[in-house]
Amino acid sequence: MYQYFNGLVIREGTNGIPAESVEALFEDAGWARNTPTWQKEKYSLIFKNSTWAFTVWDHNQMIGMVRVLSDQIMEANIMDLVVLSEYRGKRYS
């Protein structure tokens, strides 16, 4: 499912999220650096067991994401919530 908001695309889903885009967000946030090549796959595998994920795109660049784990009845935990630093604090009205 896609939604459009002031020129940005919000995508719901856990499939097809490019590992390189997730790695770039994590590096920008200071959560990762110099990931060895053999470990880069983890940036796409983290979505396999996630209940929900939303990514935000500005054209072809992923600028934000949130990943949620839940029992889908009573409990949900936000595992990752990250926004590219140059987009933090911007107002979209």
Protein backbone atom coordinates (compact mmCIF):
# COMPACT_ATOMS: atom_id res chain seq x y z
CA MET A 1 0.00 0.00 0.00
CA TYR A 2 1.27 3.42 -0.92
CA GLN A 3 0.18 6.80 0.40
CA TYR A 4 1.38 10.15 -0.85
CA PHE A 5 2.07 13.07 1.46
CA ASN A 6 3.46 16.38 0.17
CA GLY A 7 5.60 14.74 -2.49
CA LEU A 8 6.76 11.87 -0.27
CA VAL A 9 5.69 8.25 -0.66
CA ILE A 10 4.80 6.20 2.43
CA ARG A 11 5.00 2.48 1.75
CA GLU A 12 3.54 -0.18 4.04
CA GLY A 13 5.06 -3.64 3.89
CA THR A 14 7.97 -5.82 4.91
CA ASN A 15 8.93 -7.11 1.44
CA GLY A 16 11.32 -5.63 -1.08
CA ILE A 17 13.05 -3.11 1.20
CA PRO A 18 16.58 -2.63 -0.15
CA ALA A 19 19.29 -3.50 2.37
CA GLU A 20 21.45 -0.62 1.09
CA SER A 21 18.75 1.92 1.93
CA VAL A 22 18.32 0.57 5.46
CA GLU A 23 22.08 0.51 5.98
CA ALA A 24 22.34 4.15 4.83
CA LEU A 25 19.67 5.21 7.34
CA PHE A 26 21.33 3.28 10.16
CA GLU A 27 24.73 4.78 9.33
CA ASP A 28 23.25 8.29 9.21
CA ALA A 29 21.69 7.70 12.66
CA GLY A 30 25.00 6.38 14.04
CA TRP A 31 23.57 2.88 14.58
CA ALA A 32 25.97 1.17 12.18
CA ARG A 33 29.28 1.77 10.47
CA ASN A 34 31.66 -0.19 8.30
CA THR A 35 29.38 -3.22 8.05
CA PRO A 36 31.34 -6.14 6.59
CA THR A 37 30.04 -7.34 3.23
CA TRP A 38 29.05 -10.73 4.63
CA GLN A 39 26.74 -9.00 7.17
CA LYS A 40 24.96 -6.59 4.83
CA GLU A 41 22.11 -9.03 4.18
CA LYS A 42 20.89 -8.47 7.76
CA TYR A 43 19.51 -5.08 6.74
CA SER A 44 16.85 -6.76 4.62
CA LEU A 45 16.43 -9.88 6.79
CA ILE A 46 15.31 -7.80 9.81
CA PHE A 47 11.95 -7.38 8.07
CA LYS A 48 11.25 -11.11 7.67
CA ASN A 49 9.93 -11.50 11.21
CA SER A 50 8.58 -7.99 11.61
CA THR A 51 4.83 -7.59 11.89
CA TRP A 52 4.65 -4.21 10.19
CA ALA A 53 7.02 -1.84 8.50
CA PHE A 54 6.52 1.55 6.96
CA THR A 55 9.13 3.26 4.82
CA VAL A 56 9.13 6.85 3.58
CA TRP A 57 10.59 7.73 0.21
CA ASP A 58 11.59 10.99 -1.45
CA HIS A 59 11.77 9.89 -5.08
CA ASN A 60 14.19 6.90 -5.04
CA GLN A 61 15.75 7.65 -1.66
CA MET A 62 14.43 6.05 1.51
CA ILE A 63 14.39 8.84 4.09
CA GLY A 64 12.69 7.10 7.00
CA MET A 65 11.39 3.82 8.34
CA VAL A 66 9.66 2.26 11.31
CA ARG A 67 9.57 -1.45 12.09
CA VAL A 68 7.11 -3.06 14.54
CA LEU A 69 6.91 -6.47 16.22
CA SER A 70 3.51 -7.48 17.60
CA ASP A 71 1.34 -10.37 18.75
CA GLN A 72 -1.41 -8.56 16.79
CA ILE A 73 -3.77 -8.75 19.76
CA MET A 74 -2.52 -6.68 22.69
CA GLU A 75 1.16 -5.86 22.39
CA ALA A 76 3.32 -4.07 19.84
CA ASN A 77 6.89 -2.83 20.09
CA ILE A 78 8.57 -0.29 17.87
CA MET A 79 11.92 -1.83 17.05
CA ASP A 80 13.37 0.85 14.81
CA LEU A 81 12.26 4.39 14.06
CA VAL A 82 14.76 6.36 12.02
CA VAL A 83 14.66 9.42 9.79
CA LEU A 84 17.52 10.67 7.61
CA SER A 85 19.15 13.59 9.47
CA GLU A 86 18.55 16.15 6.72
CA TYR A 87 14.79 15.48 6.97
CA ARG A 88 14.47 15.66 10.76
CA GLY A 89 12.58 18.70 11.95
CA LYS A 90 11.25 19.62 8.49
CA ARG A 91 7.66 20.80 8.44
CA TYR A 92 5.29 19.38 5.88
CA SER A 93 1.96 21.16 5.80
